Structure formats: C-alpha cells, structure tokens
Amino acid sequence: MMIWEKFTYVCYGVSFFVVIWYNKYVGGNLMKTALVTLGCSKNEVDSEMILGYLGSIGFELTQNLDEAECIVVNTCGFIESAKEEAISVILDMAEYKKIGNLKHLIVVGCLAKRYKQDIVREFKEVDLVIGVDEYDNLNNIFSEYFKLNKSK
C-alpha cells in the first residue's frame, strides 16, 4: 500500500519538498529517509522522480532529520550562492551522522554532476554521489548501493 502526501516546510532556510510513502524495504525493514531539495523547481520535479525510485526499493520518508537513517540532498550548483548553500546543507546533514540515526548521506543533482570527484574527496561523510546525468540509471545505482551497504 502506498500513501502519498505532499508538503513543504522550511528549516535551516532551506525548502524541503517531501513526499511520504510507506512501502517494504528489501529484507522487510523500513528505512526512514529524508529528502532535502535545493534550487529550482526542476529540482522539485527531479526529487519526485528520485522518491519514486526510492519507493520502488522501499523506504519510509520522514521530515524529522533526527530519525532519518538516510538523507538525500538534491543540489543545485550553477551559481556561486547555490554552490555555497549546497555545501552548507551537506555539512549540516553530515552532522546527523554524529547526533542522529544517519547511516547514509547521498548527494544528487547539478552540484553532484559538476563536482562529483571533489565531493567524494572532500566530504568523507557522503556515501554516494549521483549527478543528473546518471538519473536514467538511478534505480540500479540505489539498488546496488543499498544491497552492498545493507548492514550499515
């Protein structure tokens, strides 16, 4: 059974576009996941698509970052202020590995495409980086990542 709810709220000066659904995660466990969307309205559409992929492998979305086991940050990276905001939010979300339940920090979007190697090198807390050019393969990327990191 899937239940869809859409809402927006602001935290850290960032708009969070969240779709909540309930589905079974591979192995029968539900993983609580939060999605942070930065940038333009295209990113909101991309976030809906990403949530669809995550739903297909089964996650429970939450707006409570403290309880999230997985946080996906959908970034913008075209102008300097957007890059700075994305880096700031990534660092803020990385703190949940220390103070919350966060096990998986995933960065997607334009910044992830343009600066993938830099993100991998500079942000050790980031577990997976997916650029917009990889969206056609999202289902395989997420499925493979979570299959390999199931015990994390």
C-alpha atoms as a PDB file:
ATOM      1  CA  MET A   1       0.000   0.000   0.000  1.00  0.00           C
ATOM      2  CA  MET A   2       1.322   3.458  -0.861  1.00  0.00           C
ATOM      3  CA  ILE A   3       0.181   6.675   0.773  1.00  0.00           C
ATOM      4  CA  TRP A   4       1.265   9.928  -0.878  1.00  0.00           C
ATOM      5  CA  GLU A   5       1.329  13.264   0.898  1.00  0.00           C
ATOM      6  CA  LYS A   6       2.993  16.400  -0.376  1.00  0.00           C
ATOM      7  CA  PHE A   7       4.068  19.332   1.745  1.00  0.00           C
ATOM      8  CA  THR A   8       6.816  21.914   2.023  1.00  0.00           C
ATOM      9  CA  TYR A   9       8.419  23.368   5.103  1.00  0.00           C
ATOM     10  CA  VAL A  10      11.475  25.474   5.851  1.00  0.00           C
ATOM     11  CA  CYS A  11      14.363  24.510   8.115  1.00  0.00           C
ATOM     12  CA  TYR A  12      17.879  25.984   8.032  1.00  0.00           C
ATOM     13  CA  GLY A  13      16.496  28.427   5.443  1.00  0.00           C
ATOM     14  CA  VAL A  14      16.094  25.523   3.015  1.00  0.00           C
ATOM     15  CA  SER A  15      12.896  24.363   1.391  1.00  0.00           C
ATOM     16  CA  PHE A  16      12.259  20.681   1.978  1.00  0.00           C
ATOM     17  CA  PHE A  17       9.948  19.067  -0.555  1.00  0.00           C
ATOM     18  CA  VAL A  18       8.910  15.766   0.878  1.00  0.00           C
ATOM     19  CA  VAL A  19       6.672  13.018  -0.396  1.00  0.00           C
ATOM     20  CA  ILE A  20       5.813  10.444   2.253  1.00  0.00           C
ATOM     21  CA  TRP A  21       5.060   6.879   1.366  1.00  0.00           C
ATOM     22  CA  TYR A  22       5.099   3.516   3.086  1.00  0.00           C
ATOM     23  CA  ASN A  23       6.492   0.501   1.343  1.00  0.00           C
ATOM     24  CA  LYS A  24       8.579  -2.503   2.335  1.00  0.00           C
ATOM     25  CA  TYR A  25      12.359  -2.234   2.138  1.00  0.00           C
ATOM     26  CA  VAL A  26      14.341  -5.161   0.725  1.00  0.00           C
ATOM     27  CA  GLY A  27      14.619  -7.630   3.601  1.00  0.00           C
ATOM     28  CA  GLY A  28      11.408  -6.411   5.232  1.00  0.00           C
ATOM     29  CA  ASN A  29      12.879  -3.433   7.118  1.00  0.00           C
ATOM     30  CA  LEU A  30      11.668   0.118   6.608  1.00  0.00           C
ATOM     31  CA  MET A  31      14.438   2.687   6.313  1.00  0.00           C
ATOM     32  CA  LYS A  32      13.487   6.188   7.388  1.00  0.00           C
ATOM     33  CA  THR A  33      14.646   8.625   4.744  1.00  0.00           C
ATOM     34  CA  ALA A  34      14.583  12.404   4.369  1.00  0.00           C
ATOM     35  CA  LEU A  35      14.991  14.343   1.152  1.00  0.00           C
ATOM     36  CA  VAL A  36      16.309  17.902   1.015  1.00  0.00           C
ATOM     37  CA  THR A  37      15.673  19.746  -2.252  1.00  0.00           C
ATOM     38  CA  LEU A  38      17.686  22.849  -3.096  1.00  0.00           C
ATOM     39  CA  GLY A  39      17.445  25.139  -6.074  1.00  0.00           C
ATOM     40  CA  CYS A  40      14.925  25.454  -8.854  1.00  0.00           C
ATOM     41  CA  SER A  41      11.521  23.925  -9.491  1.00  0.00           C
ATOM     42  CA  LYS A  42      13.175  21.408 -11.842  1.00  0.00           C
ATOM     43  CA  ASN A  43      14.899  20.002  -8.766  1.00  0.00           C
ATOM     44  CA  GLU A  44      11.499  19.549  -7.120  1.00  0.00           C
ATOM     45  CA  VAL A  45      10.399  17.509 -10.138  1.00  0.00           C
ATOM     46  CA  ASP A  46      13.661  15.542 -10.038  1.00  0.00           C
ATOM     47  CA  SER A  47      13.085  14.947  -6.323  1.00  0.00           C
ATOM     48  CA  GLU A  48       9.691  13.427  -7.049  1.00  0.00           C
ATOM     49  CA  MET A  49      11.362  11.089  -9.549  1.00  0.00           C
ATOM     50  CA  ILE A  50      14.070  10.171  -7.025  1.00  0.00           C
ATOM     51  CA  LEU A  51      11.416   9.436  -4.436  1.00  0.00           C
ATOM     52  CA  GLY A  52       9.726   7.156  -6.924  1.00  0.00           C
ATOM     53  CA  TYR A  53      12.924   5.176  -7.318  1.00  0.00           C
ATOM     54  CA  LEU A  54      13.427   5.036  -3.564  1.00  0.00           C
ATOM     55  CA  GLY A  55       9.827   3.935  -3.182  1.00  0.00           C
ATOM     56  CA  SER A  56      10.417   1.126  -5.633  1.00  0.00           C
ATOM     57  CA  ILE A  57      13.071  -0.338  -3.346  1.00  0.00           C
ATOM     58  CA  GLY A  58      11.069   0.628  -0.260  1.00  0.00           C
ATOM     59  CA  PHE A  59      11.648   3.477   2.171  1.00  0.00           C
ATOM     60  CA  GLU A  60       9.596   5.337   4.759  1.00  0.00           C
ATOM     61  CA  LEU A  61      10.112   9.065   4.362  1.00  0.00           C
ATOM     62  CA  THR A  62      10.312  11.359   7.338  1.00  0.00           C
ATOM     63  CA  GLN A  63      10.559  15.086   7.823  1.00  0.00           C
ATOM     64  CA  ASN A  64      12.356  14.511  11.126  1.00  0.00           C
ATOM     65  CA  LEU A  65      16.038  14.661  10.285  1.00  0.00           C
ATOM     66  CA  ASP A  66      16.972  13.301  13.730  1.00  0.00           C
ATOM     67  CA  GLU A  67      15.294   9.977  12.957  1.00  0.00           C
ATOM     68  CA  ALA A  68      16.401   9.682   9.320  1.00  0.00           C
ATOM     69  CA  GLU A  69      18.708   6.765   8.572  1.00  0.00           C
ATOM     70  CA  CYS A  70      19.222   8.058   5.034  1.00  0.00           C
ATOM     71  CA  ILE A  71      19.272  11.668   3.837  1.00  0.00           C
ATOM     72  CA  VAL A  72      19.282  12.547   0.146  1.00  0.00           C
ATOM     73  CA  VAL A  73      20.347  16.110  -0.719  1.00  0.00           C
ATOM     74  CA  ASN A  74      19.265  17.218  -4.204  1.00  0.00           C
ATOM     75  CA  THR A  75      21.664  20.044  -5.041  1.00  0.00           C
ATOM     76  CA  CYS A  76      21.949  22.994  -7.373  1.00  0.00           C
ATOM     77  CA  GLY A  77      25.390  24.077  -8.498  1.00  0.00           C
ATOM     78  CA  PHE A  78      25.129  26.669 -11.241  1.00  0.00           C
ATOM     79  CA  ILE A  79      25.713  29.922  -9.396  1.00  0.00           C
ATOM     80  CA  GLU A  80      28.142  30.583  -6.569  1.00  0.00           C
ATOM     81  CA  SER A  81      25.444  31.197  -3.950  1.00  0.00           C
ATOM     82  CA  ALA A  82      23.754  27.896  -4.860  1.00  0.00           C
ATOM     83  CA  LYS A  83      27.071  26.046  -4.512  1.00  0.00           C
ATOM     84  CA  GLU A  84      27.677  27.660  -1.135  1.00  0.00           C
ATOM     85  CA  GLU A  85      24.171  26.769   0.047  1.00  0.00           C
ATOM     86  CA  ALA A  86      24.570  23.165  -1.131  1.00  0.00           C
ATOM     87  CA  ILE A  87      27.922  22.776   0.633  1.00  0.00           C
ATOM     88  CA  SER A  88      26.482  24.273   3.810  1.00  0.00           C
ATOM     89  CA  VAL A  89      23.469  21.944   3.732  1.00  0.00           C
ATOM     90  CA  ILE A  90      25.655  18.897   3.013  1.00  0.00           C
ATOM     91  CA  LEU A  91      27.787  19.769   6.041  1.00  0.00           C
ATOM     92  CA  ASP A  92      24.668  20.332   8.173  1.00  0.00           C
ATOM     93  CA  MET A  93      23.225  16.973   7.104  1.00  0.00           C
ATOM     94  CA  ALA A  94      26.569  15.239   7.779  1.00  0.00           C
ATOM     95  CA  GLU A  95      26.226  16.286  11.427  1.00  0.00           C
ATOM     96  CA  TYR A  96      23.308  13.848  11.730  1.00  0.00           C
ATOM     97  CA  LYS A  97      25.837  11.024  11.476  1.00  0.00           C
ATOM     98  CA  LYS A  98      27.119  12.267  14.851  1.00  0.00           C
ATOM     99  CA  ILE A  99      23.905  13.397  16.535  1.00  0.00           C
ATOM    100  CA  GLY A 100      21.164  11.376  14.845  1.00  0.00           C
ATOM    101  CA  ASN A 101      20.493   7.991  13.279  1.00  0.00           C
ATOM    102  CA  LEU A 102      22.013   8.855   9.895  1.00  0.00           C
ATOM    103  CA  LYS A 103      23.826   5.981   8.193  1.00  0.00           C
ATOM    104  CA  HIS A 104      23.608   7.014   4.522  1.00  0.00           C
ATOM    105  CA  LEU A 105      24.203  10.537   3.176  1.00  0.00           C
ATOM    106  CA  ILE A 106      23.519  10.739  -0.559  1.00  0.00           C
ATOM    107  CA  VAL A 107      24.184  13.830  -2.683  1.00  0.00           C
ATOM    108  CA  VAL A 108      22.452  14.127  -6.057  1.00  0.00           C
ATOM    109  CA  GLY A 109      21.801  16.855  -8.608  1.00  0.00           C
ATOM    110  CA  CYS A 110      23.697  19.505 -10.520  1.00  0.00           C
ATOM    111  CA  LEU A 111      26.420  20.091  -7.943  1.00  0.00           C
ATOM    112  CA  ALA A 112      26.917  16.325  -7.746  1.00  0.00           C
ATOM    113  CA  LYS A 113      27.394  16.176 -11.523  1.00  0.00           C
ATOM    114  CA  ARG A 114      29.757  19.134 -11.814  1.00  0.00           C
ATOM    115  CA  TYR A 115      31.849  18.409  -8.724  1.00  0.00           C
ATOM    116  CA  LYS A 116      31.471  14.660  -8.151  1.00  0.00           C
ATOM    117  CA  GLN A 117      35.160  13.911  -7.618  1.00  0.00           C
ATOM    118  CA  ASP A 118      35.572  16.931  -5.324  1.00  0.00           C
ATOM    119  CA  ILE A 119      32.592  15.857  -3.215  1.00  0.00           C
ATOM    120  CA  VAL A 120      33.909  12.292  -2.955  1.00  0.00           C
ATOM    121  CA  ARG A 121      37.359  13.590  -1.987  1.00  0.00           C
ATOM    122  CA  GLU A 122      36.360  16.412   0.383  1.00  0.00           C
ATOM    123  CA  PHE A 123      33.237  15.081   2.124  1.00  0.00           C
ATOM    124  CA  LYS A 124      34.085  11.739   3.745  1.00  0.00           C
ATOM    125  CA  GLU A 125      30.616  11.698   5.359  1.00  0.00           C
ATOM    126  CA  VAL A 126      28.974  11.499   1.921  1.00  0.00           C
ATOM    127  CA  ASP A 127      28.330   7.883   0.990  1.00  0.00           C
ATOM    128  CA  LEU A 128      27.038   8.196  -2.567  1.00  0.00           C
ATOM    129  CA  VAL A 129      27.180  10.947  -5.219  1.00  0.00           C
ATOM    130  CA  ILE A 130      24.864  10.846  -8.241  1.00  0.00           C
ATOM    131  CA  GLY A 131      24.826  13.518 -10.938  1.00  0.00           C
ATOM    132  CA  VAL A 132      21.821  14.497 -13.031  1.00  0.00           C
ATOM    133  CA  ASP A 133      23.422  12.707 -15.978  1.00  0.00           C
ATOM    134  CA  GLU A 134      23.025   9.417 -14.076  1.00  0.00           C
ATOM    135  CA  TYR A 135      19.287   9.737 -13.368  1.00  0.00           C
ATOM    136  CA  ASP A 136      18.414   7.250 -16.117  1.00  0.00           C
ATOM    137  CA  ASN A 137      20.213   4.631 -14.049  1.00  0.00           C
ATOM    138  CA  LEU A 138      19.011   5.699 -10.574  1.00  0.00           C
ATOM    139  CA  ASN A 139      17.156   2.501  -9.828  1.00  0.00           C
ATOM    140  CA  ASN A 140      20.245   0.371 -10.469  1.00  0.00           C
ATOM    141  CA  ILE A 141      22.559   2.760  -8.607  1.00  0.00           C
ATOM    142  CA  PHE A 142      20.360   2.888  -5.499  1.00  0.00           C
ATOM    143  CA  SER A 143      19.588  -0.832  -5.577  1.00  0.00           C
ATOM    144  CA  GLU A 144      23.245  -1.775  -5.897  1.00  0.00           C
ATOM    145  CA  TYR A 145      24.356   0.717  -3.231  1.00  0.00           C
ATOM    146  CA  PHE A 146      21.807  -0.479  -0.664  1.00  0.00           C
ATOM    147  CA  LYS A 147      22.429  -4.132  -1.493  1.00  0.00           C
ATOM    148  CA  LEU A 148      26.155  -3.601  -0.781  1.00  0.00           C
ATOM    149  CA  ASN A 149      25.510  -1.454   2.312  1.00  0.00           C
ATOM    150  CA  LYS A 150      22.541  -3.259   3.825  1.00  0.00           C
ATOM    151  CA  SER A 151      24.260  -3.893   7.150  1.00  0.00           C
ATOM    152  CA  LYS A 152      25.435  -0.294   7.562  1.00  0.00           C
END
